[in-house]
C-alpha atoms as a PDB file:
ATOM      1  CA  MET A   1       0.036   0.250  -0.645  1.00  0.00           C
ATOM      2  CA  LYS A   2       1.262   3.132  -0.838  1.00  0.00           C
ATOM      3  CA  LEU A   3      -0.517   6.517  -0.146  1.00  0.00           C
ATOM      4  CA  GLU A   4       0.201  10.016  -1.472  1.00  0.00           C
ATOM      5  CA  LEU A   5       2.364  12.209   0.296  1.00  0.00           C
ATOM      6  CA  PRO A   6       0.536  15.634   1.602  1.00  0.00           C
ATOM      7  CA  PRO A   7       1.213  18.732  -0.418  1.00  0.00           C
ATOM      8  CA  LEU A   8       3.981  21.227   0.590  1.00  0.00           C
ATOM      9  CA  ARG A   9       2.244  23.895   1.822  1.00  0.00           C
ATOM     10  CA  PRO A  10       3.889  26.801   4.451  1.00  0.00           C
ATOM     11  CA  PRO A  11       2.337  26.152   7.605  1.00  0.00           C
ATOM     12  CA  PRO A  12      -0.228  29.356   9.312  1.00  0.00           C
ATOM     13  CA  GLN A  13       2.721  30.597  11.331  1.00  0.00           C
ATOM     14  CA  ALA A  14       7.098  29.113  11.802  1.00  0.00           C
ATOM     15  CA  ARG A  15       7.350  26.309  13.309  1.00  0.00           C
ATOM     16  CA  SER A  16       9.789  25.893  16.027  1.00  0.00           C
ATOM     17  CA  ALA A  17      11.467  22.337  17.227  1.00  0.00           C
ATOM     18  CA  GLY A  18      13.610  24.077  19.726  1.00  0.00           C
ATOM     19  CA  ASN A  19      14.180  22.815  23.228  1.00  0.00           C
ATOM     20  CA  PRO A  20      11.007  23.621  25.258  1.00  0.00           C
ATOM     21  CA  LEU A  21      13.003  24.684  28.184  1.00  0.00           C
ATOM     22  CA  ALA A  22      15.133  27.273  25.748  1.00  0.00           C
ATOM     23  CA  GLY A  23      15.215  30.534  27.314  1.00  0.00           C
ATOM     24  CA  HIS A  24      15.536  28.515  30.656  1.00  0.00           C
ATOM     25  CA  ALA A  25      17.949  30.781  33.547  1.00  0.00           C
ATOM     26  CA  THR A  26      21.991  29.266  33.453  1.00  0.00           C
ATOM     27  CA  ALA A  27      22.609  31.668  36.818  1.00  0.00           C
ATOM     28  CA  THR A  28      25.564  32.074  37.666  1.00  0.00           C
ATOM     29  CA  THR A  29      26.722  31.602  41.581  1.00  0.00           C
ATOM     30  CA  HIS A  30      25.489  35.047  42.541  1.00  0.00           C
ATOM     31  CA  GLU A  31      22.513  34.921  40.180  1.00  0.00           C
ATOM     32  CA  ARG A  32      18.902  33.075  41.377  1.00  0.00           C
ATOM     33  CA  PRO A  33      16.946  31.622  38.810  1.00  0.00           C
ATOM     34  CA  ASP A  34      12.901  31.438  37.946  1.00  0.00           C
ATOM     35  CA  LEU A  35      12.272  27.801  39.445  1.00  0.00           C
ATOM     36  CA  GLY A  36       8.444  28.513  38.224  1.00  0.00           C
ATOM     37  CA  ARG A  37       5.690  27.510  40.772  1.00  0.00           C
ATOM     38  CA  ASN A  38       6.551  23.810  41.214  1.00  0.00           C
ATOM     39  CA  LEU A  39      10.116  24.575  43.449  1.00  0.00           C
ATOM     40  CA  THR A  40      11.411  20.959  43.804  1.00  0.00           C
ATOM     41  CA  TYR A  41      11.134  19.917  39.519  1.00  0.00           C
ATOM     42  CA  GLY A  42      12.686  23.709  38.666  1.00  0.00           C
ATOM     43  CA  LEU A  43      15.384  23.297  40.901  1.00  0.00           C
ATOM     44  CA  LEU A  44      15.812  19.689  39.590  1.00  0.00           C
ATOM     45  CA  GLU A  45      15.717  21.233  36.080  1.00  0.00           C
ATOM     46  CA  PHE A  46      17.804  23.509  36.536  1.00  0.00           C
ATOM     47  CA  LEU A  47      20.280  21.732  38.858  1.00  0.00           C
ATOM     48  CA  GLY A  48      20.386  18.610  36.286  1.00  0.00           C
ATOM     49  CA  ARG A  49      21.219  21.108  33.602  1.00  0.00           C
ATOM     50  CA  ALA A  50      24.124  22.327  34.688  1.00  0.00           C
ATOM     51  CA  ILE A  51      25.837  18.787  35.624  1.00  0.00           C
ATOM     52  CA  VAL A  52      25.067  17.703  32.664  1.00  0.00           C
ATOM     53  CA  THR A  53      26.477  20.354  30.546  1.00  0.00           C
ATOM     54  CA  GLY A  54      29.846  20.419  32.934  1.00  0.00           C
ATOM     55  CA  ARG A  55      28.570  23.440  34.998  1.00  0.00           C
ATOM     56  CA  PHE A  56      29.649  22.197  38.418  1.00  0.00           C
ATOM     57  CA  ASP A  57      33.117  19.664  36.653  1.00  0.00           C
ATOM     58  CA  ASP A  58      35.682  22.251  38.447  1.00  0.00           C
ATOM     59  CA  ALA A  59      33.723  22.718  41.731  1.00  0.00           C
ATOM     60  CA  PRO A  60      32.694  20.525  44.263  1.00  0.00           C
ATOM     61  CA  PHE A  61      28.627  19.923  44.265  1.00  0.00           C
ATOM     62  CA  PRO A  62      26.999  22.518  47.020  1.00  0.00           C
ATOM     63  CA  ILE A  63      26.073  21.162  50.505  1.00  0.00           C
ATOM     64  CA  GLU A  64      21.871  21.285  51.188  1.00  0.00           C
ATOM     65  CA  ALA A  65      22.832  24.864  52.680  1.00  0.00           C
ATOM     66  CA  GLU A  66      24.360  26.116  50.374  1.00  0.00           C
ATOM     67  CA  LEU A  67      21.838  25.153  47.551  1.00  0.00           C
ATOM     68  CA  VAL A  68      19.139  26.770  50.307  1.00  0.00           C
ATOM     69  CA  ARG A  69      20.740  29.538  50.621  1.00  0.00           C
ATOM     70  CA  ARG A  70      21.717  29.938  46.895  1.00  0.00           C
ATOM     71  CA  TYR A  71      18.321  29.296  45.279  1.00  0.00           C
ATOM     72  CA  GLY A  72      16.326  30.449  47.929  1.00  0.00           C
ATOM     73  CA  VAL A  73      14.455  27.384  48.401  1.00  0.00           C
ATOM     74  CA  SER A  74      13.112  25.155  51.483  1.00  0.00           C
ATOM     75  CA  LEU A  75      15.373  21.846  52.832  1.00  0.00           C
ATOM     76  CA  THR A  76      12.569  19.667  51.969  1.00  0.00           C
ATOM     77  CA  VAL A  77      12.358  21.066  48.243  1.00  0.00           C
ATOM     78  CA  THR A  78      16.202  20.718  48.258  1.00  0.00           C
ATOM     79  CA  ARG A  79      16.176  17.308  49.492  1.00  0.00           C
ATOM     80  CA  GLU A  80      13.741  16.223  46.972  1.00  0.00           C
ATOM     81  CA  ALA A  81      15.148  17.276  43.774  1.00  0.00           C
ATOM     82  CA  VAL A  82      18.699  15.970  45.316  1.00  0.00           C
ATOM     83  CA  LYS A  83      16.670  12.680  45.229  1.00  0.00           C
ATOM     84  CA  MET A  84      15.541  12.587  41.793  1.00  0.00           C
ATOM     85  CA  LEU A  85      19.185  13.758  40.930  1.00  0.00           C
ATOM     86  CA  CYS A  86      20.292  10.540  42.385  1.00  0.00           C
ATOM     87  CA  ALA A  87      17.230   8.448  41.141  1.00  0.00           C
ATOM     88  CA  LYS A  88      19.044   9.786  37.710  1.00  0.00           C
ATOM     89  CA  GLY A  89      22.272   8.586  38.696  1.00  0.00           C
ATOM     90  CA  LEU A  90      23.528  12.181  38.247  1.00  0.00           C
ATOM     91  CA  LEU A  91      24.335  12.168  42.452  1.00  0.00           C
ATOM     92  CA  MET A  92      25.116   9.799  45.207  1.00  0.00           C
ATOM     93  CA  SER A  93      23.898  11.272  48.431  1.00  0.00           C
ATOM     94  CA  ARG A  94      25.331   8.969  51.172  1.00  0.00           C
ATOM     95  CA  PRO A  95      25.024  10.286  55.454  1.00  0.00           C
ATOM     96  CA  ARG A  96      27.677  12.494  56.895  1.00  0.00           C
ATOM     97  CA  GLN A  97      29.405  11.867  53.440  1.00  0.00           C
ATOM     98  CA  GLY A  98      27.032  14.532  51.836  1.00  0.00           C
ATOM     99  CA  THR A  99      26.197  14.645  48.230  1.00  0.00           C
ATOM    100  CA  GLN A 100      28.511  13.255  45.146  1.00  0.00           C
ATOM    101  CA  LEU A 101      29.029  14.239  41.144  1.00  0.00           C
ATOM    102  CA  LEU A 102      28.607  10.978  39.326  1.00  0.00           C
ATOM    103  CA  PRO A 103      30.851   9.868  36.580  1.00  0.00           C
ATOM    104  CA  THR A 104      28.731   9.900  32.878  1.00  0.00           C
ATOM    105  CA  SER A 105      28.774   5.964  33.075  1.00  0.00           C
ATOM    106  CA  SER A 106      26.526   5.884  36.046  1.00  0.00           C
ATOM    107  CA  TRP A 107      24.125   8.352  34.438  1.00  0.00           C
ATOM    108  CA  ASN A 108      21.110   6.803  33.324  1.00  0.00           C
ATOM    109  CA  LEU A 109      21.459   8.129  29.367  1.00  0.00           C
ATOM    110  CA  PHE A 110      17.293   6.935  28.878  1.00  0.00           C
ATOM    111  CA  ASP A 111      16.117   8.656  31.484  1.00  0.00           C
ATOM    112  CA  PRO A 112      13.843  11.669  28.902  1.00  0.00           C
ATOM    113  CA  ASP A 113      14.855  14.795  31.324  1.00  0.00           C
ATOM    114  CA  VAL A 114      18.781  13.377  30.899  1.00  0.00           C
ATOM    115  CA  LEU A 115      18.305  12.770  27.364  1.00  0.00           C
ATOM    116  CA  ARG A 116      17.162  16.213  26.801  1.00  0.00           C
ATOM    117  CA  TRP A 117      19.915  17.646  29.118  1.00  0.00           C
ATOM    118  CA  LEU A 118      22.625  16.107  27.155  1.00  0.00           C
ATOM    119  CA  VAL A 119      21.224  18.007  24.052  1.00  0.00           C
ATOM    120  CA  ASP A 120      22.481  20.988  25.751  1.00  0.00           C
ATOM    121  CA  ARG A 121      25.851  20.026  26.379  1.00  0.00           C
ATOM    122  CA  LYS A 122      28.783  21.591  24.315  1.00  0.00           C
ATOM    123  CA  LEU A 123      28.561  20.062  20.715  1.00  0.00           C
ATOM    124  CA  GLU A 124      31.014  17.047  20.856  1.00  0.00           C
ATOM    125  CA  VAL A 125      31.631  14.819  17.756  1.00  0.00           C
ATOM    126  CA  ASP A 126      31.868  11.348  20.305  1.00  0.00           C
ATOM    127  CA  LEU A 127      28.442  12.459  21.716  1.00  0.00           C
ATOM    128  CA  LEU A 128      27.037  12.575  18.182  1.00  0.00           C
ATOM    129  CA  ARG A 129      28.688   9.449  17.000  1.00  0.00           C
ATOM    130  CA  GLN A 130      27.302   7.319  20.221  1.00  0.00           C
ATOM    131  CA  PHE A 131      24.105   8.951  19.689  1.00  0.00           C
ATOM    132  CA  ASN A 132      23.997   7.795  16.304  1.00  0.00           C
ATOM    133  CA  GLN A 133      25.435   4.334  16.142  1.00  0.00           C
ATOM    134  CA  LEU A 134      22.873   3.569  19.169  1.00  0.00           C
ATOM    135  CA  ARG A 135      20.140   5.075  15.954  1.00  0.00           C
ATOM    136  CA  ALA A 136      22.058   2.511  13.678  1.00  0.00           C
ATOM    137  CA  ALA A 137      21.127  -0.373  16.359  1.00  0.00           C
ATOM    138  CA  ILE A 138      17.996   0.523  16.746  1.00  0.00           C
ATOM    139  CA  GLU A 139      16.202   2.241  13.876  1.00  0.00           C
ATOM    140  CA  PRO A 140      16.712   0.079  10.035  1.00  0.00           C
ATOM    141  CA  GLU A 141      15.165  -2.995  12.463  1.00  0.00           C
ATOM    142  CA  GLY A 142      12.490  -0.431  13.360  1.00  0.00           C
ATOM    143  CA  ALA A 143      11.803   0.126   9.348  1.00  0.00           C
ATOM    144  CA  ALA A 144      12.068  -3.443   8.603  1.00  0.00           C
ATOM    145  CA  LEU A 145       9.003  -3.693  11.734  1.00  0.00           C
ATOM    146  CA  ALA A 146       7.124  -0.846  10.154  1.00  0.00           C
ATOM    147  CA  ALA A 147       6.944  -2.404   6.674  1.00  0.00           C
ATOM    148  CA  ARG A 148       5.755  -5.916   7.893  1.00  0.00           C
ATOM    149  CA  PHE A 149       2.845  -4.066  10.207  1.00  0.00           C
ATOM    150  CA  ALA A 150       2.279  -0.365  10.024  1.00  0.00           C
ATOM    151  CA  SER A 151      -1.763   0.355   9.528  1.00  0.00           C
ATOM    152  CA  ALA A 152      -2.838   2.744   7.343  1.00  0.00           C
ATOM    153  CA  GLY A 153      -3.265   5.775   9.679  1.00  0.00           C
ATOM    154  CA  HIS A 154       0.581   4.482  10.007  1.00  0.00           C
ATOM    155  CA  LEU A 155       1.634   5.036   7.036  1.00  0.00           C
ATOM    156  CA  ALA A 156       0.276   8.570   7.030  1.00  0.00           C
ATOM    157  CA  ALA A 157       1.422   9.623   9.378  1.00  0.00           C
ATOM    158  CA  ILE A 158       5.040   8.949   7.935  1.00  0.00           C
ATOM    159  CA  ALA A 159       4.618  10.237   5.011  1.00  0.00           C
ATOM    160  CA  GLU A 160       3.201  13.800   6.926  1.00  0.00           C
ATOM    161  CA  GLY A 161       7.098  13.287   8.747  1.00  0.00           C
ATOM    162  CA  LEU A 162       8.320  13.047   5.221  1.00  0.00           C
ATOM    163  CA  ALA A 163       6.014  15.938   3.683  1.00  0.00           C
ATOM    164  CA  ARG A 164       7.518  18.096   6.919  1.00  0.00           C
ATOM    165  CA  ILE A 165      10.756  16.911   5.623  1.00  0.00           C
ATOM    166  CA  GLU A 166      10.486  18.362   2.383  1.00  0.00           C
ATOM    167  CA  ALA A 167       9.120  21.729   3.745  1.00  0.00           C
ATOM    168  CA  ALA A 168      12.170  22.083   6.039  1.00  0.00           C
ATOM    169  CA  LYS A 169      14.142  22.045   3.097  1.00  0.00           C
ATOM    170  CA  ALA A 170      11.958  24.821   1.415  1.00  0.00           C
ATOM    171  CA  GLY A 171      12.281  26.768   4.461  1.00  0.00           C
ATOM    172  CA  TRP A 172       8.586  26.121   5.788  1.00  0.00           C
ATOM    173  CA  ASP A 173       9.165  24.099   8.501  1.00  0.00           C
ATOM    174  CA  ASP A 174      11.544  23.076  11.541  1.00  0.00           C
ATOM    175  CA  PRO A 175      14.297  20.606  10.074  1.00  0.00           C
ATOM    176  CA  VAL A 176      14.405  19.597  13.868  1.00  0.00           C
ATOM    177  CA  ALA A 177      10.312  18.886  14.518  1.00  0.00           C
ATOM    178  CA  ALA A 178      10.177  17.615  10.792  1.00  0.00           C
ATOM    179  CA  GLY A 179      12.934  14.747  11.461  1.00  0.00           C
ATOM    180  CA  ILE A 180      12.001  13.559  14.898  1.00  0.00           C
ATOM    181  CA  ALA A 181       8.444  13.449  13.411  1.00  0.00           C
ATOM    182  CA  PHE A 182       9.319  10.711  10.304  1.00  0.00           C
ATOM    183  CA  HIS A 183      11.495   9.061  12.642  1.00  0.00           C
ATOM    184  CA  VAL A 184       9.465   8.608  15.786  1.00  0.00           C
ATOM    185  CA  SER A 185       6.422   8.207  13.290  1.00  0.00           C
ATOM    186  CA  ILE A 186       8.537   4.788  12.030  1.00  0.00           C
ATOM    187  CA  LEU A 187       9.086   3.451  15.557  1.00  0.00           C
ATOM    188  CA  HIS A 188       5.275   4.125  15.943  1.00  0.00           C
ATOM    189  CA  ALA A 189       4.596   1.873  13.154  1.00  0.00           C
ATOM    190  CA  THR A 190       6.116  -1.160  14.358  1.00  0.00           C
ATOM    191  CA  GLN A 191       2.943  -1.399  16.804  1.00  0.00           C
ATOM    192  CA  ASN A 192       5.977  -2.574  19.331  1.00  0.00           C
ATOM    193  CA  PRO A 193       5.793  -0.608  22.651  1.00  0.00           C
ATOM    194  CA  PHE A 194       9.615  -1.404  22.840  1.00  0.00           C
ATOM    195  CA  TYR A 195      10.750   0.372  20.028  1.00  0.00           C
ATOM    196  CA  ALA A 196       8.379   3.492  20.623  1.00  0.00           C
ATOM    197  CA  GLN A 197      10.029   3.929  23.966  1.00  0.00           C
ATOM    198  CA  PHE A 198      12.976   5.528  21.985  1.00  0.00           C
ATOM    199  CA  ARG A 199      11.320   8.285  20.627  1.00  0.00           C
ATOM    200  CA  ASP A 200      13.379   9.959  23.136  1.00  0.00           C
ATOM    201  CA  VAL A 201      16.814   8.922  22.113  1.00  0.00           C
ATOM    202  CA  VAL A 202      15.889   8.965  18.357  1.00  0.00           C
ATOM    203  CA  SER A 203      14.950  13.034  19.201  1.00  0.00           C
ATOM    204  CA  ALA A 204      17.817  13.528  20.749  1.00  0.00           C
ATOM    205  CA  ALA A 205      20.009  12.227  18.231  1.00  0.00           C
ATOM    206  CA  LEU A 206      18.609  14.071  15.706  1.00  0.00           C
ATOM    207  CA  GLN A 207      18.713  17.153  17.544  1.00  0.00           C
ATOM    208  CA  THR A 208      22.321  16.510  18.281  1.00  0.00           C
ATOM    209  CA  SER A 209      22.984  15.844  14.414  1.00  0.00           C
ATOM    210  CA  ILE A 210      20.726  18.817  13.419  1.00  0.00           C
ATOM    211  CA  ARG A 211      23.016  21.639  15.544  1.00  0.00           C
ATOM    212  CA  PHE A 212      26.296  20.906  14.052  1.00  0.00           C
ATOM    213  CA  GLY A 213      25.102  21.970  10.811  1.00  0.00           C
ATOM    214  CA  GLY A 214      26.870  21.819   7.428  1.00  0.00           C
ATOM    215  CA  GLY A 215      27.099  18.138   6.188  1.00  0.00           C
ATOM    216  CA  PHE A 216      25.153  16.373   9.218  1.00  0.00           C
ATOM    217  CA  HIS A 217      22.464  18.801   8.410  1.00  0.00           C
ATOM    218  CA  ASP A 218      22.127  18.185   5.123  1.00  0.00           C
ATOM    219  CA  ARG A 219      22.762  14.017   5.258  1.00  0.00           C
ATOM    220  CA  THR A 220      19.770  13.962   8.613  1.00  0.00           C
ATOM    221  CA  THR A 221      17.115  16.219   6.193  1.00  0.00           C
ATOM    222  CA  ASP A 222      17.825  14.592   3.058  1.00  0.00           C
ATOM    223  CA  VAL A 223      14.406  14.063   1.344  1.00  0.00           C
ATOM    224  CA  ALA A 224      15.628  10.956  -1.336  1.00  0.00           C
ATOM    225  CA  ASP A 225      17.051   9.109   1.785  1.00  0.00           C
ATOM    226  CA  HIS A 226      13.976   9.349   3.560  1.00  0.00           C
ATOM    227  CA  TYR A 227      11.738   9.017   1.030  1.00  0.00           C
ATOM    228  CA  ALA A 228      13.796   5.255   0.329  1.00  0.00           C
ATOM    229  CA  VAL A 229      12.739   4.831   3.739  1.00  0.00           C
ATOM    230  CA  TYR A 230       8.976   5.675   3.285  1.00  0.00           C
ATOM    231  CA  GLU A 231       8.683   3.823   0.425  1.00  0.00           C
ATOM    232  CA  ALA A 232       9.773   0.397   1.098  1.00  0.00           C
ATOM    233  CA  ILE A 233       7.962   0.941   4.463  1.00  0.00           C
ATOM    234  CA  CYS A 234       4.330   1.389   2.041  1.00  0.00           C
ATOM    235  CA  ALA A 235       5.747  -1.704  -0.198  1.00  0.00           C
ATOM    236  CA  ALA A 236       5.508  -3.842   3.092  1.00  0.00           C
ATOM    237  CA  ASP A 237       8.945  -4.349   1.985  1.00  0.00           C
ATOM    238  CA  ASP A 238      10.937  -5.161   4.881  1.00  0.00           C
ATOM    239  CA  GLU A 239      14.795  -6.392   3.902  1.00  0.00           C
ATOM    240  CA  ARG A 240      14.592  -2.964   1.911  1.00  0.00           C
ATOM    241  CA  ALA A 241      13.529  -0.720   4.683  1.00  0.00           C
ATOM    242  CA  ARG A 242      16.037  -2.216   6.774  1.00  0.00           C
ATOM    243  CA  ALA A 243      18.744  -1.183   4.046  1.00  0.00           C
ATOM    244  CA  SER A 244      17.225   1.954   3.330  1.00  0.00           C
ATOM    245  CA  MET A 245      17.527   3.334   7.101  1.00  0.00           C
ATOM    246  CA  ARG A 246      20.992   1.345   7.694  1.00  0.00           C
ATOM    247  CA  LEU A 247      22.041   3.504   4.907  1.00  0.00           C
ATOM    248  CA  LEU A 248      20.509   6.715   5.954  1.00  0.00           C
ATOM    249  CA  ILE A 249      22.323   6.556   9.165  1.00  0.00           C
ATOM    250  CA  ASP A 250      25.342   4.805   8.085  1.00  0.00           C
ATOM    251  CA  ARG A 251      25.695   8.445   5.488  1.00  0.00           C
ATOM    252  CA  VAL A 252      25.368  10.627   9.087  1.00  0.00           C
ATOM    253  CA  LEU A 253      27.805   8.488  10.954  1.00  0.00           C
ATOM    254  CA  ASP A 254      30.695   8.772   7.552  1.00  0.00           C
ATOM    255  CA  CYS A 255      30.053  12.702   8.191  1.00  0.00           C
ATOM    256  CA  ILE A 256      31.248  11.659  11.927  1.00  0.00           C
ATOM    257  CA  ASP A 257      34.003  10.018  11.301  1.00  0.00           C
ATOM    258  CA  ARG A 258      35.270  12.643   8.354  1.00  0.00           C
ATOM    259  CA  ALA A 259      34.318  15.320  11.038  1.00  0.00           C
ATOM    260  CA  GLY A 260      36.353  13.203  13.786  1.00  0.00           C
ATOM    261  CA  ARG A 261      39.339  12.824  11.544  1.00  0.00           C
ATOM    262  CA  SER A 262      39.780  17.126  10.584  1.00  0.00           C
END
């Protein structure tokens, strides 16, 4: 079954797929960020992003009393936020030993918050490579499953994602949002809830790739490569869908390898 792509048309207003927390205060030691109405989650968001983006790399993590003083919150709020950061693998808190930062290897990298914060890190070729290596292990088989199990509704969603990628090429849509819409719709088309759970990983990988710009941007938003995947899924050709998705991601990895060598 093959569906016609929706016609390209400029949206009524420019779409933006930037980080939903863009503009969130990144305070210096002497500034108090706006933590919002829910102070616990506000402090969690602020401290979590600060840890993941390296703000505490060259300084010890503040003790509870210092966090209370610095951010103007209660001890209860502070302890609850620290507890949640510990659950995400960013911190370790022990009685009479205080709170310590944990290495990246201890982080829960599949946690949606940690993935969002990783996108805000200083752009590194190694991080980009690791994201796309994981994509290469997941998405080709996801495309093959989509070719076997996608419903008409799933195919329509993939077609809409492809149309948005074409629109983004013409400057009518946001390339990050368009790429995410296409790839996440394929994960849902597998009708396998475990694959659908990788949506945050794939979204973070695409945001990071497109932020690099240049060749990364071109490969990540290449219309022909994405159309080949879509066409194979519509034809229920699981082998071709798998190979097409693998080729799409391999081309991104080739760009990353060239960037690493240079």
